[in-house]
Amino acid sequence: MWAYIFPDSKISVSREGKVRITGVLAPYHSRIAFFINELGLRGVTIRHWSGRFYFPRSLDAGTQQRLRNFLLAECPPARG
């Protein structure tokens, strides 16, 4: 439950495809936005908290794994 209240980072994608990133992943905005647009994601929110990513149930397991792999390999969150 706390992951949804105080995430380390949050990636929000509007229905129009506009990507907004807050928290520790914010420095990777352009890289993440490009990848999300390549996937064609719309209307989703991904949260990062305590080293884990939380995806909406609307994303299939394959898309979740692709996002997880990309985020961990290309956008390692900085640790305070």
PDB file of N, CA and C in Angstrom:
ATOM      1  N   MET A   1       0.815  -1.184   0.000  1.00  0.00           N
ATOM      2  CA  MET A   1       0.000   0.000   0.000  1.00  0.00           C
ATOM      3  C   MET A   1       0.866   1.257   0.000  1.00  0.00           C
ATOM      4  N   TRP A   2       1.944   1.289   0.788  1.00  0.00           N
ATOM      5  CA  TRP A   2       2.778   2.484   0.850  1.00  0.00           C
ATOM      6  C   TRP A   2       3.407   2.806  -0.483  1.00  0.00           C
ATOM      7  N   ALA A   3       3.590   1.812  -1.337  1.00  0.00           N
ATOM      8  CA  ALA A   3       4.184   2.058  -2.647  1.00  0.00           C
ATOM      9  C   ALA A   3       3.341   3.033  -3.452  1.00  0.00           C
ATOM     10  N   TYR A   4       2.067   3.048  -3.197  1.00  0.00           N
ATOM     11  CA  TYR A   4       1.196   3.921  -3.959  1.00  0.00           C
ATOM     12  C   TYR A   4       1.073   5.307  -3.340  1.00  0.00           C
ATOM     13  N   ILE A   5       1.466   5.431  -2.088  1.00  0.00           N
ATOM     14  CA  ILE A   5       1.372   6.723  -1.426  1.00  0.00           C
ATOM     15  C   ILE A   5       2.664   7.517  -1.583  1.00  0.00           C
ATOM     16  N   PHE A   6       3.806   6.871  -1.363  1.00  0.00           N
ATOM     17  CA  PHE A   6       5.097   7.552  -1.414  1.00  0.00           C
ATOM     18  C   PHE A   6       6.089   6.815  -2.316  1.00  0.00           C
ATOM     19  N   PRO A   7       5.878   6.797  -3.608  1.00  0.00           N
ATOM     20  CA  PRO A   7       6.824   6.098  -4.480  1.00  0.00           C
ATOM     21  C   PRO A   7       8.141   6.868  -4.597  1.00  0.00           C
ATOM     22  N   ASP A   8       9.251   6.132  -4.840  1.00  0.00           N
ATOM     23  CA  ASP A   8      10.534   6.767  -5.124  1.00  0.00           C
ATOM     24  C   ASP A   8      10.465   7.493  -6.459  1.00  0.00           C
ATOM     25  N   SER A   9       9.654   6.954  -7.358  1.00  0.00           N
ATOM     26  CA  SER A   9       9.491   7.553  -8.670  1.00  0.00           C
ATOM     27  C   SER A   9       8.153   7.126  -9.251  1.00  0.00           C
ATOM     28  N   LYS A  10       7.612   7.968 -10.112  1.00  0.00           N
ATOM     29  CA  LYS A  10       6.326   7.660 -10.747  1.00  0.00           C
ATOM     30  C   LYS A  10       6.398   8.070 -12.215  1.00  0.00           C
ATOM     31  N   ILE A  11       5.980   7.163 -13.087  1.00  0.00           N
ATOM     32  CA  ILE A  11       5.914   7.417 -14.527  1.00  0.00           C
ATOM     33  C   ILE A  11       4.441   7.394 -14.897  1.00  0.00           C
ATOM     34  N   SER A  12       3.930   8.531 -15.345  1.00  0.00           N
ATOM     35  CA  SER A  12       2.529   8.631 -15.745  1.00  0.00           C
ATOM     36  C   SER A  12       2.458   8.898 -17.235  1.00  0.00           C
ATOM     37  N   VAL A  13       1.605   8.129 -17.924  1.00  0.00           N
ATOM     38  CA  VAL A  13       1.401   8.306 -19.357  1.00  0.00           C
ATOM     39  C   VAL A  13      -0.069   8.658 -19.561  1.00  0.00           C
ATOM     40  N   SER A  14      -0.311   9.828 -20.130  1.00  0.00           N
ATOM     41  CA  SER A  14      -1.691  10.268 -20.349  1.00  0.00           C
ATOM     42  C   SER A  14      -2.321   9.472 -21.493  1.00  0.00           C
ATOM     43  N   ARG A  15      -3.595   9.659 -21.669  1.00  0.00           N
ATOM     44  CA  ARG A  15      -4.301   8.996 -22.781  1.00  0.00           C
ATOM     45  C   ARG A  15      -3.806   9.478 -24.133  1.00  0.00           C
ATOM     46  N   GLU A  16      -3.247  10.686 -24.149  1.00  0.00           N
ATOM     47  CA  GLU A  16      -2.693  11.250 -25.384  1.00  0.00           C
ATOM     48  C   GLU A  16      -1.246  10.797 -25.614  1.00  0.00           C
ATOM     49  N   GLY A  17      -0.640  10.138 -24.618  1.00  0.00           N
ATOM     50  CA  GLY A  17       0.723   9.649 -24.750  1.00  0.00           C
ATOM     51  C   GLY A  17       1.782  10.550 -24.152  1.00  0.00           C
ATOM     52  N   LYS A  18       1.371  11.608 -23.452  1.00  0.00           N
ATOM     53  CA  LYS A  18       2.338  12.502 -22.811  1.00  0.00           C
ATOM     54  C   LYS A  18       2.896  11.822 -21.560  1.00  0.00           C
ATOM     55  N   VAL A  19       4.230  11.794 -21.461  1.00  0.00           N
ATOM     56  CA  VAL A  19       4.894  11.108 -20.362  1.00  0.00           C
ATOM     57  C   VAL A  19       5.353  12.126 -19.323  1.00  0.00           C
ATOM     58  N   ARG A  20       5.027  11.842 -18.058  1.00  0.00           N
ATOM     59  CA  ARG A  20       5.455  12.691 -16.939  1.00  0.00           C
ATOM     60  C   ARG A  20       6.154  11.793 -15.935  1.00  0.00           C
ATOM     61  N   ILE A  21       7.365  12.203 -15.508  1.00  0.00           N
ATOM     62  CA  ILE A  21       8.154  11.385 -14.598  1.00  0.00           C
ATOM     63  C   ILE A  21       8.588  12.232 -13.407  1.00  0.00           C
ATOM     64  N   THR A  22       8.385  11.703 -12.220  1.00  0.00           N
ATOM     65  CA  THR A  22       8.827  12.376 -11.006  1.00  0.00           C
ATOM     66  C   THR A  22       9.742  11.433 -10.232  1.00  0.00           C
ATOM     67  N   GLY A  23      10.540  12.002  -9.341  1.00  0.00           N
ATOM     68  CA  GLY A  23      11.385  11.196  -8.466  1.00  0.00           C
ATOM     69  C   GLY A  23      12.725  10.831  -9.072  1.00  0.00           C
ATOM     70  N   VAL A  24      13.270   9.711  -8.612  1.00  0.00           N
ATOM     71  CA  VAL A  24      14.634   9.321  -8.964  1.00  0.00           C
ATOM     72  C   VAL A  24      14.826   8.989 -10.440  1.00  0.00           C
ATOM     73  N   LEU A  25      13.769   8.691 -11.167  1.00  0.00           N
ATOM     74  CA  LEU A  25      13.884   8.382 -12.595  1.00  0.00           C
ATOM     75  C   LEU A  25      13.745   9.620 -13.479  1.00  0.00           C
ATOM     76  N   ALA A  26      13.466  10.772 -12.898  1.00  0.00           N
ATOM     77  CA  ALA A  26      13.271  11.998 -13.672  1.00  0.00           C
ATOM     78  C   ALA A  26      14.450  12.359 -14.578  1.00  0.00           C
ATOM     79  N   PRO A  27      15.710  12.127 -14.179  1.00  0.00           N
ATOM     80  CA  PRO A  27      16.817  12.467 -15.071  1.00  0.00           C
ATOM     81  C   PRO A  27      16.818  11.679 -16.392  1.00  0.00           C
ATOM     82  N   TYR A  28      16.076  10.576 -16.435  1.00  0.00           N
ATOM     83  CA  TYR A  28      16.023   9.735 -17.629  1.00  0.00           C
ATOM     84  C   TYR A  28      14.766   9.982 -18.456  1.00  0.00           C
ATOM     85  N   HIS A  29      14.143  11.131 -18.276  1.00  0.00           N
ATOM     86  CA  HIS A  29      12.846  11.404 -18.908  1.00  0.00           C
ATOM     87  C   HIS A  29      12.838  11.143 -20.407  1.00  0.00           C
ATOM     88  N   SER A  30      13.767  11.706 -21.145  1.00  0.00           N
ATOM     89  CA  SER A  30      13.729  11.567 -22.613  1.00  0.00           C
ATOM     90  C   SER A  30      13.916  10.120 -23.039  1.00  0.00           C
ATOM     91  N   ARG A  31      14.781   9.397 -22.377  1.00  0.00           N
ATOM     92  CA  ARG A  31      15.035   7.991 -22.707  1.00  0.00           C
ATOM     93  C   ARG A  31      13.789   7.142 -22.438  1.00  0.00           C
ATOM     94  N   ILE A  32      13.180   7.345 -21.269  1.00  0.00           N
ATOM     95  CA  ILE A  32      11.989   6.577 -20.902  1.00  0.00           C
ATOM     96  C   ILE A  32      10.814   6.945 -21.796  1.00  0.00           C
ATOM     97  N   ALA A  33      10.619   8.242 -22.049  1.00  0.00           N
ATOM     98  CA  ALA A  33       9.495   8.691 -22.888  1.00  0.00           C
ATOM     99  C   ALA A  33       9.598   8.099 -24.290  1.00  0.00           C
ATOM    100  N   PHE A  34      10.798   8.066 -24.844  1.00  0.00           N
ATOM    101  CA  PHE A  34      10.985   7.492 -26.180  1.00  0.00           C
ATOM    102  C   PHE A  34      10.595   6.012 -26.183  1.00  0.00           C
ATOM    103  N   PHE A  35      11.057   5.264 -25.198  1.00  0.00           N
ATOM    104  CA  PHE A  35      10.752   3.836 -25.135  1.00  0.00           C
ATOM    105  C   PHE A  35       9.256   3.592 -24.953  1.00  0.00           C
ATOM    106  N   ILE A  36       8.623   4.356 -24.081  1.00  0.00           N
ATOM    107  CA  ILE A  36       7.190   4.189 -23.854  1.00  0.00           C
ATOM    108  C   ILE A  36       6.397   4.510 -25.115  1.00  0.00           C
ATOM    109  N   ASN A  37       6.799   5.552 -25.829  1.00  0.00           N
ATOM    110  CA  ASN A  37       6.119   5.884 -27.081  1.00  0.00           C
ATOM    111  C   ASN A  37       6.334   4.803 -28.133  1.00  0.00           C
ATOM    112  N   GLU A  38       7.512   4.186 -28.139  1.00  0.00           N
ATOM    113  CA  GLU A  38       7.772   3.067 -29.061  1.00  0.00           C
ATOM    114  C   GLU A  38       6.826   1.896 -28.769  1.00  0.00           C
ATOM    115  N   LEU A  39       6.544   1.665 -27.488  1.00  0.00           N
ATOM    116  CA  LEU A  39       5.627   0.590 -27.102  1.00  0.00           C
ATOM    117  C   LEU A  39       4.165   0.948 -27.368  1.00  0.00           C
ATOM    118  N   GLY A  40       3.885   2.245 -27.505  1.00  0.00           N
ATOM    119  CA  GLY A  40       2.515   2.687 -27.754  1.00  0.00           C
ATOM    120  C   GLY A  40       1.637   2.682 -26.515  1.00  0.00           C
ATOM    121  N   LEU A  41       2.236   2.832 -25.349  1.00  0.00           N
ATOM    122  CA  LEU A  41       1.455   2.820 -24.105  1.00  0.00           C
ATOM    123  C   LEU A  41       0.690   4.124 -23.932  1.00  0.00           C
ATOM    124  N   ARG A  42      -0.512   4.014 -23.392  1.00  0.00           N
ATOM    125  CA  ARG A  42      -1.366   5.163 -23.129  1.00  0.00           C
ATOM    126  C   ARG A  42      -2.146   4.918 -21.847  1.00  0.00           C
ATOM    127  N   GLY A  43      -2.347   5.972 -21.071  1.00  0.00           N
ATOM    128  CA  GLY A  43      -3.205   5.894 -19.895  1.00  0.00           C
ATOM    129  C   GLY A  43      -2.745   4.931 -18.810  1.00  0.00           C
ATOM    130  N   VAL A  44      -1.438   4.900 -18.514  1.00  0.00           N
ATOM    131  CA  VAL A  44      -0.931   4.011 -17.472  1.00  0.00           C
ATOM    132  C   VAL A  44      -0.042   4.783 -16.493  1.00  0.00           C
ATOM    133  N   THR A  45       0.126   4.222 -15.313  1.00  0.00           N
ATOM    134  CA  THR A  45       1.031   4.768 -14.312  1.00  0.00           C
ATOM    135  C   THR A  45       1.881   3.627 -13.775  1.00  0.00           C
ATOM    136  N   ILE A  46       3.182   3.845 -13.762  1.00  0.00           N
ATOM    137  CA  ILE A  46       4.136   2.865 -13.259  1.00  0.00           C
ATOM    138  C   ILE A  46       4.823   3.502 -12.060  1.00  0.00           C
ATOM    139  N   ARG A  47       4.927   2.767 -10.987  1.00  0.00           N
ATOM    140  CA  ARG A  47       5.557   3.289  -9.781  1.00  0.00           C
ATOM    141  C   ARG A  47       6.815   2.494  -9.463  1.00  0.00           C
ATOM    142  N   HIS A  48       7.805   3.182  -8.923  1.00  0.00           N
ATOM    143  CA  HIS A  48       9.038   2.546  -8.474  1.00  0.00           C
ATOM    144  C   HIS A  48       9.183   2.852  -6.999  1.00  0.00           C
ATOM    145  N   TRP A  49       9.354   1.798  -6.200  1.00  0.00           N
ATOM    146  CA  TRP A  49       9.462   1.973  -4.771  1.00  0.00           C
ATOM    147  C   TRP A  49      10.331   0.868  -4.189  1.00  0.00           C
ATOM    148  N   SER A  50      11.336   1.252  -3.428  1.00  0.00           N
ATOM    149  CA  SER A  50      12.229   0.307  -2.756  1.00  0.00           C
ATOM    150  C   SER A  50      12.802  -0.751  -3.698  1.00  0.00           C
ATOM    151  N   GLY A  51      13.225  -0.310  -4.871  1.00  0.00           N
ATOM    152  CA  GLY A  51      13.861  -1.216  -5.816  1.00  0.00           C
ATOM    153  C   GLY A  51      12.932  -2.074  -6.647  1.00  0.00           C
ATOM    154  N   ARG A  52      11.637  -1.879  -6.530  1.00  0.00           N
ATOM    155  CA  ARG A  52      10.664  -2.672  -7.300  1.00  0.00           C
ATOM    156  C   ARG A  52       9.799  -1.764  -8.148  1.00  0.00           C
ATOM    157  N   PHE A  53       9.368  -2.297  -9.282  1.00  0.00           N
ATOM    158  CA  PHE A  53       8.449  -1.588 -10.157  1.00  0.00           C
ATOM    159  C   PHE A  53       7.060  -2.183  -9.983  1.00  0.00           C
ATOM    160  N   TYR A  54       6.079  -1.306  -9.932  1.00  0.00           N
ATOM    161  CA  TYR A  54       4.681  -1.712  -9.793  1.00  0.00           C
ATOM    162  C   TYR A  54       3.944  -1.256 -11.045  1.00  0.00           C
ATOM    163  N   PHE A  55       3.379  -2.223 -11.770  1.00  0.00           N
ATOM    164  CA  PHE A  55       2.712  -1.959 -13.035  1.00  0.00           C
ATOM    165  C   PHE A  55       1.203  -2.124 -12.882  1.00  0.00           C
ATOM    166  N   PRO A  56       0.443  -1.406 -13.709  1.00  0.00           N
ATOM    167  CA  PRO A  56      -1.014  -1.600 -13.661  1.00  0.00           C
ATOM    168  C   PRO A  56      -1.377  -2.975 -14.221  1.00  0.00           C
ATOM    169  N   ARG A  57      -2.445  -3.505 -13.760  1.00  0.00           N
ATOM    170  CA  ARG A  57      -2.894  -4.830 -14.219  1.00  0.00           C
ATOM    171  C   ARG A  57      -3.266  -4.838 -15.695  1.00  0.00           C
ATOM    172  N   SER A  58      -3.509  -3.668 -16.246  1.00  0.00           N
ATOM    173  CA  SER A  58      -3.897  -3.599 -17.658  1.00  0.00           C
ATOM    174  C   SER A  58      -2.745  -3.954 -18.596  1.00  0.00           C
ATOM    175  N   LEU A  59      -1.506  -3.932 -18.096  1.00  0.00           N
ATOM    176  CA  LEU A  59      -0.353  -4.290 -18.925  1.00  0.00           C
ATOM    177  C   LEU A  59      -0.121  -5.796 -18.858  1.00  0.00           C
ATOM    178  N   ASP A  60       0.045  -6.416 -20.018  1.00  0.00           N
ATOM    179  CA  ASP A  60       0.297  -7.854 -20.030  1.00  0.00           C
ATOM    180  C   ASP A  60       1.699  -8.153 -19.491  1.00  0.00           C
ATOM    181  N   ALA A  61       1.932  -9.399 -19.124  1.00  0.00           N
ATOM    182  CA  ALA A  61       3.195  -9.806 -18.500  1.00  0.00           C
ATOM    183  C   ALA A  61       4.396  -9.538 -19.409  1.00  0.00           C
ATOM    184  N   GLY A  62       4.245  -9.718 -20.702  1.00  0.00           N
ATOM    185  CA  GLY A  62       5.341  -9.478 -21.636  1.00  0.00           C
ATOM    186  C   GLY A  62       5.752  -8.012 -21.683  1.00  0.00           C
ATOM    187  N   THR A  63       4.777  -7.126 -21.715  1.00  0.00           N
ATOM    188  CA  THR A  63       5.069  -5.692 -21.725  1.00  0.00           C
ATOM    189  C   THR A  63       5.688  -5.269 -20.400  1.00  0.00           C
ATOM    190  N   GLN A  64       5.184  -5.804 -19.310  1.00  0.00           N
ATOM    191  CA  GLN A  64       5.772  -5.498 -18.011  1.00  0.00           C
ATOM    192  C   GLN A  64       7.235  -5.906 -17.970  1.00  0.00           C
ATOM    193  N   GLN A  65       7.549  -7.089 -18.491  1.00  0.00           N
ATOM    194  CA  GLN A  65       8.929  -7.567 -18.470  1.00  0.00           C
ATOM    195  C   GLN A  65       9.825  -6.712 -19.362  1.00  0.00           C
ATOM    196  N   ARG A  66       9.333  -6.306 -20.521  1.00  0.00           N
ATOM    197  CA  ARG A  66      10.115  -5.432 -21.402  1.00  0.00           C
ATOM    198  C   ARG A  66      10.421  -4.104 -20.716  1.00  0.00           C
ATOM    199  N   LEU A  67       9.415  -3.529 -20.070  1.00  0.00           N
ATOM    200  CA  LEU A  67       9.615  -2.276 -19.346  1.00  0.00           C
ATOM    201  C   LEU A  67      10.606  -2.457 -18.191  1.00  0.00           C
ATOM    202  N   ARG A  68      10.437  -3.515 -17.429  1.00  0.00           N
ATOM    203  CA  ARG A  68      11.324  -3.781 -16.297  1.00  0.00           C
ATOM    204  C   ARG A  68      12.768  -3.928 -16.783  1.00  0.00           C
ATOM    205  N   ASN A  69      12.977  -4.723 -17.823  1.00  0.00           N
ATOM    206  CA  ASN A  69      14.323  -4.927 -18.365  1.00  0.00           C
ATOM    207  C   ASN A  69      14.929  -3.609 -18.825  1.00  0.00           C
ATOM    208  N   PHE A  70      14.143  -2.813 -19.545  1.00  0.00           N
ATOM    209  CA  PHE A  70      14.638  -1.526 -20.039  1.00  0.00           C
ATOM    210  C   PHE A  70      14.999  -0.598 -18.885  1.00  0.00           C
ATOM    211  N   LEU A  71      14.084  -0.454 -17.934  1.00  0.00           N
ATOM    212  CA  LEU A  71      14.305   0.474 -16.838  1.00  0.00           C
ATOM    213  C   LEU A  71      15.505   0.086 -15.982  1.00  0.00           C
ATOM    214  N   LEU A  72      15.678  -1.195 -15.728  1.00  0.00           N
ATOM    215  CA  LEU A  72      16.809  -1.627 -14.910  1.00  0.00           C
ATOM    216  C   LEU A  72      18.133  -1.516 -15.646  1.00  0.00           C
ATOM    217  N   ALA A  73      18.126  -1.770 -16.950  1.00  0.00           N
ATOM    218  CA  ALA A  73      19.372  -1.735 -17.726  1.00  0.00           C
ATOM    219  C   ALA A  73      19.768  -0.334 -18.158  1.00  0.00           C
ATOM    220  N   GLU A  74      18.798   0.466 -18.569  1.00  0.00           N
ATOM    221  CA  GLU A  74      19.094   1.768 -19.156  1.00  0.00           C
ATOM    222  C   GLU A  74      18.922   2.957 -18.217  1.00  0.00           C
ATOM    223  N   CYS A  75      18.166   2.777 -17.158  1.00  0.00           N
ATOM    224  CA  CYS A  75      17.841   3.896 -16.282  1.00  0.00           C
ATOM    225  C   CYS A  75      17.970   3.502 -14.819  1.00  0.00           C
ATOM    226  N   PRO A  76      19.171   3.137 -14.385  1.00  0.00           N
ATOM    227  CA  PRO A  76      19.295   2.713 -12.981  1.00  0.00           C
ATOM    228  C   PRO A  76      18.996   3.866 -12.031  1.00  0.00           C
ATOM    229  N   PRO A  77      18.029   3.679 -11.143  1.00  0.00           N
ATOM    230  CA  PRO A  77      17.687   4.769 -10.211  1.00  0.00           C
ATOM    231  C   PRO A  77      18.837   5.039  -9.258  1.00  0.00           C
ATOM    232  N   ALA A  78      19.128   6.304  -9.040  1.00  0.00           N
ATOM    233  CA  ALA A  78      20.194   6.694  -8.120  1.00  0.00           C
ATOM    234  C   ALA A  78      19.744   6.413  -6.702  1.00  0.00           C
ATOM    235  N   ARG A  79      20.633   5.949  -5.916  1.00  0.00           N
ATOM    236  CA  ARG A  79      20.322   5.690  -4.505  1.00  0.00           C
ATOM    237  C   ARG A  79      20.873   6.835  -3.668  1.00  0.00           C
ATOM    238  N   GLY A  80      20.024   7.353  -2.781  1.00  0.00           N
ATOM    239  CA  GLY A  80      20.340   8.481  -1.952  1.00  0.00           C
ATOM    240  C   GLY A  80      21.457   8.259  -1.031  1.00  0.00           C
TER     241      GLY A  80
END
